[in-house]
């Protein structure tokens, strides 16, 4: 049983989306997404894009429900800009 895949597919379904929609959003083929599902090989950027696509947030939340750290898709571009500046 692939818990990660089930949760991702469930989130997509709740938002009226499919795995094929997610693959297109990532810019990959459906077969490549199936490989990610089968091998639990998700990049952090894949999950940030999933959150963006589903209009949700990727975050660490404490046991009381308080968001401690929230990540945004823009964090990726900020990180890339910093890497370029350091070269």
PDB file of N, CA and C in Angstrom:
ATOM      1  N   UNK A   1       0.845  -1.189   0.000  1.00  0.00           N
ATOM      2  CA  UNK A   1       0.000   0.000   0.000  1.00  0.00           C
ATOM      3  C   UNK A   1       0.889   1.251   0.000  1.00  0.00           C
ATOM      4  N   UNK A   2       0.602   2.157  -0.879  1.00  0.00           N
ATOM      5  CA  UNK A   2       1.410   3.363  -1.014  1.00  0.00           C
ATOM      6  C   UNK A   2       0.659   4.544  -0.392  1.00  0.00           C
ATOM      7  N   UNK A   3       0.970   4.817   0.854  1.00  0.00           N
ATOM      8  CA  UNK A   3       0.274   5.865   1.607  1.00  0.00           C
ATOM      9  C   UNK A   3       0.480   7.231   0.969  1.00  0.00           C
ATOM     10  N   UNK A   4       1.707   7.523   0.526  1.00  0.00           N
ATOM     11  CA  UNK A   4       1.994   8.830  -0.064  1.00  0.00           C
ATOM     12  C   UNK A   4       1.172   9.043  -1.333  1.00  0.00           C
ATOM     13  N   UNK A   5       1.185   8.055  -2.205  1.00  0.00           N
ATOM     14  CA  UNK A   5       0.409   8.153  -3.442  1.00  0.00           C
ATOM     15  C   UNK A   5      -1.068   8.347  -3.114  1.00  0.00           C
ATOM     16  N   UNK A   6      -1.591   7.556  -2.177  1.00  0.00           N
ATOM     17  CA  UNK A   6      -3.014   7.654  -1.826  1.00  0.00           C
ATOM     18  C   UNK A   6      -3.372   9.050  -1.337  1.00  0.00           C
ATOM     19  N   UNK A   7      -2.519   9.643  -0.541  1.00  0.00           N
ATOM     20  CA  UNK A   7      -2.800  10.981  -0.022  1.00  0.00           C
ATOM     21  C   UNK A   7      -2.740  12.030  -1.129  1.00  0.00           C
ATOM     22  N   UNK A   8      -1.769  11.905  -2.012  1.00  0.00           N
ATOM     23  CA  UNK A   8      -1.660  12.850  -3.117  1.00  0.00           C
ATOM     24  C   UNK A   8      -2.867  12.722  -4.044  1.00  0.00           C
ATOM     25  N   UNK A   9      -3.211  11.494  -4.402  1.00  0.00           N
ATOM     26  CA  UNK A   9      -4.356  11.259  -5.288  1.00  0.00           C
ATOM     27  C   UNK A   9      -5.647  11.740  -4.626  1.00  0.00           C
ATOM     28  N   UNK A  10      -5.768  11.537  -3.317  1.00  0.00           N
ATOM     29  CA  UNK A  10      -6.955  12.003  -2.589  1.00  0.00           C
ATOM     30  C   UNK A  10      -7.048  13.526  -2.609  1.00  0.00           C
ATOM     31  N   UNK A  11      -5.924  14.204  -2.382  1.00  0.00           N
ATOM     32  CA  UNK A  11      -5.918  15.660  -2.428  1.00  0.00           C
ATOM     33  C   UNK A  11      -6.322  16.144  -3.816  1.00  0.00           C
ATOM     34  N   UNK A  12      -5.759  15.544  -4.834  1.00  0.00           N
ATOM     35  CA  UNK A  12      -6.112  15.918  -6.199  1.00  0.00           C
ATOM     36  C   UNK A  12      -7.605  15.726  -6.441  1.00  0.00           C
ATOM     37  N   UNK A  13      -8.135  14.590  -6.014  1.00  0.00           N
ATOM     38  CA  UNK A  13      -9.557  14.300  -6.213  1.00  0.00           C
ATOM     39  C   UNK A  13     -10.435  15.310  -5.482  1.00  0.00           C
ATOM     40  N   UNK A  14     -10.042  15.681  -4.266  1.00  0.00           N
ATOM     41  CA  UNK A  14     -10.809  16.678  -3.510  1.00  0.00           C
ATOM     42  C   UNK A  14     -10.882  18.008  -4.253  1.00  0.00           C
ATOM     43  N   UNK A  15      -9.857  18.277  -5.049  1.00  0.00           N
ATOM     44  CA  UNK A  15      -9.794  19.530  -5.798  1.00  0.00           C
ATOM     45  C   UNK A  15     -10.293  19.371  -7.238  1.00  0.00           C
ATOM     46  N   UNK A  16     -10.832  18.176  -7.559  1.00  0.00           N
ATOM     47  CA  UNK A  16     -11.359  17.931  -8.897  1.00  0.00           C
ATOM     48  C   UNK A  16     -10.287  17.732  -9.952  1.00  0.00           C
ATOM     49  N   UNK A  17      -9.124  17.265  -9.527  1.00  0.00           N
ATOM     50  CA  UNK A  17      -7.982  17.076 -10.422  1.00  0.00           C
ATOM     51  C   UNK A  17      -7.598  15.604 -10.479  1.00  0.00           C
ATOM     52  N   UNK A  18      -6.776  15.265 -11.449  1.00  0.00           N
ATOM     53  CA  UNK A  18      -6.302  13.895 -11.612  1.00  0.00           C
ATOM     54  C   UNK A  18      -4.775  13.863 -11.579  1.00  0.00           C
ATOM     55  N   UNK A  19      -4.253  12.659 -11.530  1.00  0.00           N
ATOM     56  CA  UNK A  19      -2.799  12.496 -11.603  1.00  0.00           C
ATOM     57  C   UNK A  19      -2.269  12.996 -12.940  1.00  0.00           C
ATOM     58  N   UNK A  20      -3.045  12.834 -13.995  1.00  0.00           N
ATOM     59  CA  UNK A  20      -2.627  13.336 -15.311  1.00  0.00           C
ATOM     60  C   UNK A  20      -2.506  14.861 -15.278  1.00  0.00           C
ATOM     61  N   UNK A  21      -3.429  15.528 -14.593  1.00  0.00           N
ATOM     62  CA  UNK A  21      -3.343  16.988 -14.439  1.00  0.00           C
ATOM     63  C   UNK A  21      -2.064  17.362 -13.690  1.00  0.00           C
ATOM     64  N   UNK A  22      -1.780  16.609 -12.641  1.00  0.00           N
ATOM     65  CA  UNK A  22      -0.579  16.873 -11.829  1.00  0.00           C
ATOM     66  C   UNK A  22       0.679  16.667 -12.668  1.00  0.00           C
ATOM     67  N   UNK A  23       0.722  15.592 -13.452  1.00  0.00           N
ATOM     68  CA  UNK A  23       1.882  15.331 -14.310  1.00  0.00           C
ATOM     69  C   UNK A  23       2.087  16.489 -15.278  1.00  0.00           C
ATOM     70  N   UNK A  24       1.000  16.948 -15.909  1.00  0.00           N
ATOM     71  CA  UNK A  24       1.121  18.088 -16.835  1.00  0.00           C
ATOM     72  C   UNK A  24       1.632  19.323 -16.100  1.00  0.00           C
ATOM     73  N   UNK A  25       1.143  19.547 -14.899  1.00  0.00           N
ATOM     74  CA  UNK A  25       1.571  20.713 -14.114  1.00  0.00           C
ATOM     75  C   UNK A  25       3.065  20.641 -13.798  1.00  0.00           C
ATOM     76  N   UNK A  26       3.548  19.418 -13.545  1.00  0.00           N
ATOM     77  CA  UNK A  26       4.975  19.223 -13.271  1.00  0.00           C
ATOM     78  C   UNK A  26       5.813  19.266 -14.554  1.00  0.00           C
ATOM     79  N   UNK A  27       5.149  19.141 -15.698  1.00  0.00           N
ATOM     80  CA  UNK A  27       5.868  19.131 -16.966  1.00  0.00           C
ATOM     81  C   UNK A  27       6.513  17.794 -17.263  1.00  0.00           C
ATOM     82  N   UNK A  28       5.885  16.724 -16.768  1.00  0.00           N
ATOM     83  CA  UNK A  28       6.407  15.380 -17.003  1.00  0.00           C
ATOM     84  C   UNK A  28       5.298  14.504 -17.582  1.00  0.00           C
ATOM     85  N   UNK A  29       5.682  13.344 -18.086  1.00  0.00           N
ATOM     86  CA  UNK A  29       4.698  12.393 -18.610  1.00  0.00           C
ATOM     87  C   UNK A  29       4.029  11.658 -17.455  1.00  0.00           C
ATOM     88  N   UNK A  30       2.846  11.150 -17.707  1.00  0.00           N
ATOM     89  CA  UNK A  30       2.101  10.395 -16.691  1.00  0.00           C
ATOM     90  C   UNK A  30       2.919   9.193 -16.200  1.00  0.00           C
ATOM     91  N   UNK A  31       3.681   8.578 -17.098  1.00  0.00           N
ATOM     92  CA  UNK A  31       4.502   7.425 -16.720  1.00  0.00           C
ATOM     93  C   UNK A  31       5.588   7.830 -15.730  1.00  0.00           C
ATOM     94  N   UNK A  32       6.143   9.016 -15.907  1.00  0.00           N
ATOM     95  CA  UNK A  32       7.176   9.491 -14.979  1.00  0.00           C
ATOM     96  C   UNK A  32       6.566   9.748 -13.604  1.00  0.00           C
ATOM     97  N   UNK A  33       5.352  10.288 -13.572  1.00  0.00           N
ATOM     98  CA  UNK A  33       4.675  10.498 -12.293  1.00  0.00           C
ATOM     99  C   UNK A  33       4.378   9.150 -11.638  1.00  0.00           C
ATOM    100  N   UNK A  34       3.983   8.177 -12.437  1.00  0.00           N
ATOM    101  CA  UNK A  34       3.726   6.838 -11.890  1.00  0.00           C
ATOM    102  C   UNK A  34       4.999   6.280 -11.260  1.00  0.00           C
ATOM    103  N   UNK A  35       6.144   6.556 -11.858  1.00  0.00           N
ATOM    104  CA  UNK A  35       7.421   6.136 -11.281  1.00  0.00           C
ATOM    105  C   UNK A  35       7.669   6.801  -9.934  1.00  0.00           C
ATOM    106  N   UNK A  36       7.325   8.086  -9.836  1.00  0.00           N
ATOM    107  CA  UNK A  36       7.457   8.783  -8.544  1.00  0.00           C
ATOM    108  C   UNK A  36       6.553   8.124  -7.520  1.00  0.00           C
ATOM    109  N   UNK A  37       5.324   7.831  -7.920  1.00  0.00           N
ATOM    110  CA  UNK A  37       4.378   7.163  -7.014  1.00  0.00           C
ATOM    111  C   UNK A  37       4.923   5.809  -6.551  1.00  0.00           C
ATOM    112  N   UNK A  38       5.386   5.012  -7.508  1.00  0.00           N
ATOM    113  CA  UNK A  38       5.822   3.651  -7.195  1.00  0.00           C
ATOM    114  C   UNK A  38       7.052   3.609  -6.307  1.00  0.00           C
ATOM    115  N   UNK A  39       7.953   4.591  -6.477  1.00  0.00           N
ATOM    116  CA  UNK A  39       9.220   4.582  -5.756  1.00  0.00           C
ATOM    117  C   UNK A  39       9.300   5.610  -4.634  1.00  0.00           C
ATOM    118  N   UNK A  40       8.201   6.317  -4.382  1.00  0.00           N
ATOM    119  CA  UNK A  40       8.188   7.383  -3.367  1.00  0.00           C
ATOM    120  C   UNK A  40       9.360   8.338  -3.573  1.00  0.00           C
ATOM    121  N   UNK A  41       9.505   8.798  -4.804  1.00  0.00           N
ATOM    122  CA  UNK A  41      10.608   9.706  -5.145  1.00  0.00           C
ATOM    123  C   UNK A  41      10.051  11.078  -5.514  1.00  0.00           C
ATOM    124  N   UNK A  42       9.685  11.809  -4.505  1.00  0.00           N
ATOM    125  CA  UNK A  42       9.153  13.149  -4.719  1.00  0.00           C
ATOM    126  C   UNK A  42      10.225  14.158  -4.339  1.00  0.00           C
ATOM    127  N   UNK A  43      10.364  15.154  -5.158  1.00  0.00           N
ATOM    128  CA  UNK A  43      11.236  16.268  -4.811  1.00  0.00           C
ATOM    129  C   UNK A  43      10.421  17.256  -3.996  1.00  0.00           C
ATOM    130  N   UNK A  44      11.119  18.025  -3.220  1.00  0.00           N
ATOM    131  CA  UNK A  44      10.456  19.069  -2.451  1.00  0.00           C
ATOM    132  C   UNK A  44       9.686  19.980  -3.397  1.00  0.00           C
ATOM    133  N   UNK A  45      10.292  20.268  -4.543  1.00  0.00           N
ATOM    134  CA  UNK A  45       9.628  21.135  -5.527  1.00  0.00           C
ATOM    135  C   UNK A  45       8.352  20.501  -6.066  1.00  0.00           C
ATOM    136  N   UNK A  46       8.315  19.158  -6.183  1.00  0.00           N
ATOM    137  CA  UNK A  46       7.090  18.477  -6.626  1.00  0.00           C
ATOM    138  C   UNK A  46       5.952  18.752  -5.650  1.00  0.00           C
ATOM    139  N   UNK A  47       6.256  18.697  -4.370  1.00  0.00           N
ATOM    140  CA  UNK A  47       5.232  18.901  -3.349  1.00  0.00           C
ATOM    141  C   UNK A  47       4.821  20.367  -3.252  1.00  0.00           C
ATOM    142  N   UNK A  48       5.771  21.270  -3.453  1.00  0.00           N
ATOM    143  CA  UNK A  48       5.418  22.695  -3.484  1.00  0.00           C
ATOM    144  C   UNK A  48       4.502  22.987  -4.672  1.00  0.00           C
ATOM    145  N   UNK A  49       4.788  22.374  -5.789  1.00  0.00           N
ATOM    146  CA  UNK A  49       3.946  22.567  -6.970  1.00  0.00           C
ATOM    147  C   UNK A  49       2.569  21.942  -6.762  1.00  0.00           C
ATOM    148  N   UNK A  50       2.518  20.812  -6.072  1.00  0.00           N
ATOM    149  CA  UNK A  50       1.229  20.198  -5.741  1.00  0.00           C
ATOM    150  C   UNK A  50       0.406  21.150  -4.876  1.00  0.00           C
ATOM    151  N   UNK A  51       1.033  21.745  -3.894  1.00  0.00           N
ATOM    152  CA  UNK A  51       0.333  22.697  -3.031  1.00  0.00           C
ATOM    153  C   UNK A  51      -0.163  23.886  -3.845  1.00  0.00           C
ATOM    154  N   UNK A  52       0.672  24.402  -4.729  1.00  0.00           N
ATOM    155  CA  UNK A  52       0.269  25.534  -5.557  1.00  0.00           C
ATOM    156  C   UNK A  52      -0.900  25.151  -6.457  1.00  0.00           C
ATOM    157  N   UNK A  53      -0.805  24.001  -7.083  1.00  0.00           N
ATOM    158  CA  UNK A  53      -1.841  23.530  -8.000  1.00  0.00           C
ATOM    159  C   UNK A  53      -3.183  23.352  -7.302  1.00  0.00           C
ATOM    160  N   UNK A  54      -3.142  22.907  -6.053  1.00  0.00           N
ATOM    161  CA  UNK A  54      -4.372  22.617  -5.311  1.00  0.00           C
ATOM    162  C   UNK A  54      -4.801  23.771  -4.415  1.00  0.00           C
ATOM    163  N   UNK A  55      -4.103  24.891  -4.541  1.00  0.00           N
ATOM    164  CA  UNK A  55      -4.415  26.078  -3.738  1.00  0.00           C
ATOM    165  C   UNK A  55      -4.374  25.760  -2.239  1.00  0.00           C
ATOM    166  N   UNK A  56      -3.309  25.044  -1.858  1.00  0.00           N
ATOM    167  CA  UNK A  56      -3.073  24.693  -0.460  1.00  0.00           C
ATOM    168  C   UNK A  56      -1.658  25.129  -0.086  1.00  0.00           C
ATOM    169  N   UNK A  57      -1.250  24.831   1.142  1.00  0.00           N
ATOM    170  CA  UNK A  57       0.099  25.172   1.593  1.00  0.00           C
ATOM    171  C   UNK A  57       0.812  23.916   2.066  1.00  0.00           C
ATOM    172  N   UNK A  58       2.102  23.911   1.877  1.00  0.00           N
ATOM    173  CA  UNK A  58       2.967  22.885   2.438  1.00  0.00           C
ATOM    174  C   UNK A  58       3.552  23.494   3.698  1.00  0.00           C
ATOM    175  N   UNK A  59       3.320  22.845   4.844  1.00  0.00           N
ATOM    176  CA  UNK A  59       3.723  23.475   6.104  1.00  0.00           C
ATOM    177  C   UNK A  59       4.020  22.432   7.168  1.00  0.00           C
ATOM    178  N   UNK A  60       4.792  22.864   8.162  1.00  0.00           N
ATOM    179  CA  UNK A  60       4.957  22.110   9.388  1.00  0.00           C
ATOM    180  C   UNK A  60       3.990  22.714  10.391  1.00  0.00           C
ATOM    181  N   UNK A  61       3.170  21.867  10.959  1.00  0.00           N
ATOM    182  CA  UNK A  61       2.129  22.307  11.887  1.00  0.00           C
ATOM    183  C   UNK A  61       2.341  21.571  13.199  1.00  0.00           C
ATOM    184  N   UNK A  62       2.302  22.313  14.321  1.00  0.00           N
ATOM    185  CA  UNK A  62       2.495  21.636  15.599  1.00  0.00           C
ATOM    186  C   UNK A  62       1.236  20.853  15.985  1.00  0.00           C
ATOM    187  N   UNK A  63       1.323  20.103  17.042  1.00  0.00           N
ATOM    188  CA  UNK A  63       0.224  19.224  17.445  1.00  0.00           C
ATOM    189  C   UNK A  63      -1.025  19.975  17.895  1.00  0.00           C
ATOM    190  N   UNK A  64      -0.889  21.265  18.122  1.00  0.00           N
ATOM    191  CA  UNK A  64      -2.043  22.079  18.483  1.00  0.00           C
ATOM    192  C   UNK A  64      -2.688  22.715  17.247  1.00  0.00           C
ATOM    193  N   UNK A  65      -2.085  22.478  16.077  1.00  0.00           N
ATOM    194  CA  UNK A  65      -2.628  23.011  14.832  1.00  0.00           C
ATOM    195  C   UNK A  65      -2.039  24.333  14.398  1.00  0.00           C
ATOM    196  N   UNK A  66      -1.032  24.814  15.111  1.00  0.00           N
ATOM    197  CA  UNK A  66      -0.394  26.091  14.761  1.00  0.00           C
ATOM    198  C   UNK A  66       0.667  25.863  13.681  1.00  0.00           C
ATOM    199  N   UNK A  67       0.584  26.661  12.607  1.00  0.00           N
ATOM    200  CA  UNK A  67       1.588  26.580  11.542  1.00  0.00           C
ATOM    201  C   UNK A  67       2.887  27.161  12.071  1.00  0.00           C
ATOM    202  N   UNK A  68       3.938  26.352  12.030  1.00  0.00           N
ATOM    203  CA  UNK A  68       5.259  26.775  12.502  1.00  0.00           C
ATOM    204  C   UNK A  68       6.073  27.336  11.342  1.00  0.00           C
ATOM    205  N   UNK A  69       6.109  26.608  10.229  1.00  0.00           N
ATOM    206  CA  UNK A  69       6.822  27.039   9.031  1.00  0.00           C
ATOM    207  C   UNK A  69       5.953  26.687   7.834  1.00  0.00           C
ATOM    208  N   UNK A  70       5.801  27.642   6.941  1.00  0.00           N
ATOM    209  CA  UNK A  70       5.026  27.431   5.723  1.00  0.00           C
ATOM    210  C   UNK A  70       5.924  27.688   4.523  1.00  0.00           C
ATOM    211  N   UNK A  71       5.805  26.848   3.523  1.00  0.00           N
ATOM    212  CA  UNK A  71       6.608  26.967   2.313  1.00  0.00           C
ATOM    213  C   UNK A  71       5.716  27.410   1.163  1.00  0.00           C
ATOM    214  N   UNK A  72       6.272  28.211   0.276  1.00  0.00           N
ATOM    215  CA  UNK A  72       5.548  28.730  -0.880  1.00  0.00           C
ATOM    216  C   UNK A  72       6.329  28.397  -2.146  1.00  0.00           C
ATOM    217  N   UNK A  73       5.630  28.344  -3.255  1.00  0.00           N
ATOM    218  CA  UNK A  73       6.290  28.079  -4.528  1.00  0.00           C
ATOM    219  C   UNK A  73       7.352  29.133  -4.819  1.00  0.00           C
ATOM    220  N   UNK A  74       7.109  30.350  -4.401  1.00  0.00           N
ATOM    221  CA  UNK A  74       8.087  31.425  -4.629  1.00  0.00           C
ATOM    222  C   UNK A  74       9.404  31.160  -3.894  1.00  0.00           C
ATOM    223  N   UNK A  75       9.384  30.307  -2.864  1.00  0.00           N
ATOM    224  CA  UNK A  75      10.619  29.961  -2.166  1.00  0.00           C
ATOM    225  C   UNK A  75      11.616  29.307  -3.117  1.00  0.00           C
ATOM    226  N   UNK A  76      11.119  28.575  -4.109  1.00  0.00           N
ATOM    227  CA  UNK A  76      12.008  27.931  -5.076  1.00  0.00           C
ATOM    228  C   UNK A  76      12.772  28.959  -5.893  1.00  0.00           C
ATOM    229  N   UNK A  77      12.066  29.963  -6.386  1.00  0.00           N
ATOM    230  CA  UNK A  77      12.749  30.973  -7.195  1.00  0.00           C
ATOM    231  C   UNK A  77      13.699  31.802  -6.339  1.00  0.00           C
ATOM    232  N   UNK A  78      13.324  32.061  -5.092  1.00  0.00           N
ATOM    233  CA  UNK A  78      14.216  32.792  -4.188  1.00  0.00           C
ATOM    234  C   UNK A  78      15.498  32.007  -3.939  1.00  0.00           C
ATOM    235  N   UNK A  79      15.365  30.701  -3.762  1.00  0.00           N
ATOM    236  CA  UNK A  79      16.524  29.834  -3.533  1.00  0.00           C
ATOM    237  C   UNK A  79      17.433  29.825  -4.756  1.00  0.00           C
ATOM    238  N   UNK A  80      16.836  29.723  -5.932  1.00  0.00           N
ATOM    239  CA  UNK A  80      17.617  29.703  -7.167  1.00  0.00           C
ATOM    240  C   UNK A  80      18.343  31.028  -7.372  1.00  0.00           C
ATOM    241  N   UNK A  81      17.676  32.131  -7.044  1.00  0.00           N
ATOM    242  CA  UNK A  81      18.319  33.444  -7.170  1.00  0.00           C
ATOM    243  C   UNK A  81      19.519  33.553  -6.238  1.00  0.00           C
ATOM    244  N   UNK A  82      19.379  33.037  -5.018  1.00  0.00           N
ATOM    245  CA  UNK A  82      20.481  33.087  -4.062  1.00  0.00           C
ATOM    246  C   UNK A  82      21.647  32.228  -4.529  1.00  0.00           C
ATOM    247  N   UNK A  83      21.346  31.057  -5.094  1.00  0.00           N
ATOM    248  CA  UNK A  83      22.406  30.187  -5.608  1.00  0.00           C
ATOM    249  C   UNK A  83      23.160  30.873  -6.734  1.00  0.00           C
ATOM    250  N   UNK A  84      22.435  31.549  -7.624  1.00  0.00           N
ATOM    251  CA  UNK A  84      23.068  32.245  -8.750  1.00  0.00           C
ATOM    252  C   UNK A  84      23.950  33.382  -8.238  1.00  0.00           C
ATOM    253  N   UNK A  85      23.494  34.084  -7.210  1.00  0.00           N
ATOM    254  CA  UNK A  85      24.245  35.208  -6.652  1.00  0.00           C
ATOM    255  C   UNK A  85      25.536  34.739  -5.989  1.00  0.00           C
ATOM    256  N   UNK A  86      25.524  33.522  -5.454  1.00  0.00           N
ATOM    257  CA  UNK A  86      26.690  32.992  -4.750  1.00  0.00           C
ATOM    258  C   UNK A  86      27.746  32.420  -5.698  1.00  0.00           C
ATOM    259  N   UNK A  87      27.421  32.288  -6.982  1.00  0.00           N
ATOM    260  CA  UNK A  87      28.380  31.724  -7.946  1.00  0.00           C
ATOM    261  C   UNK A  87      29.368  32.741  -8.413  1.00  0.00           C
TER     262      UNK A  87
END
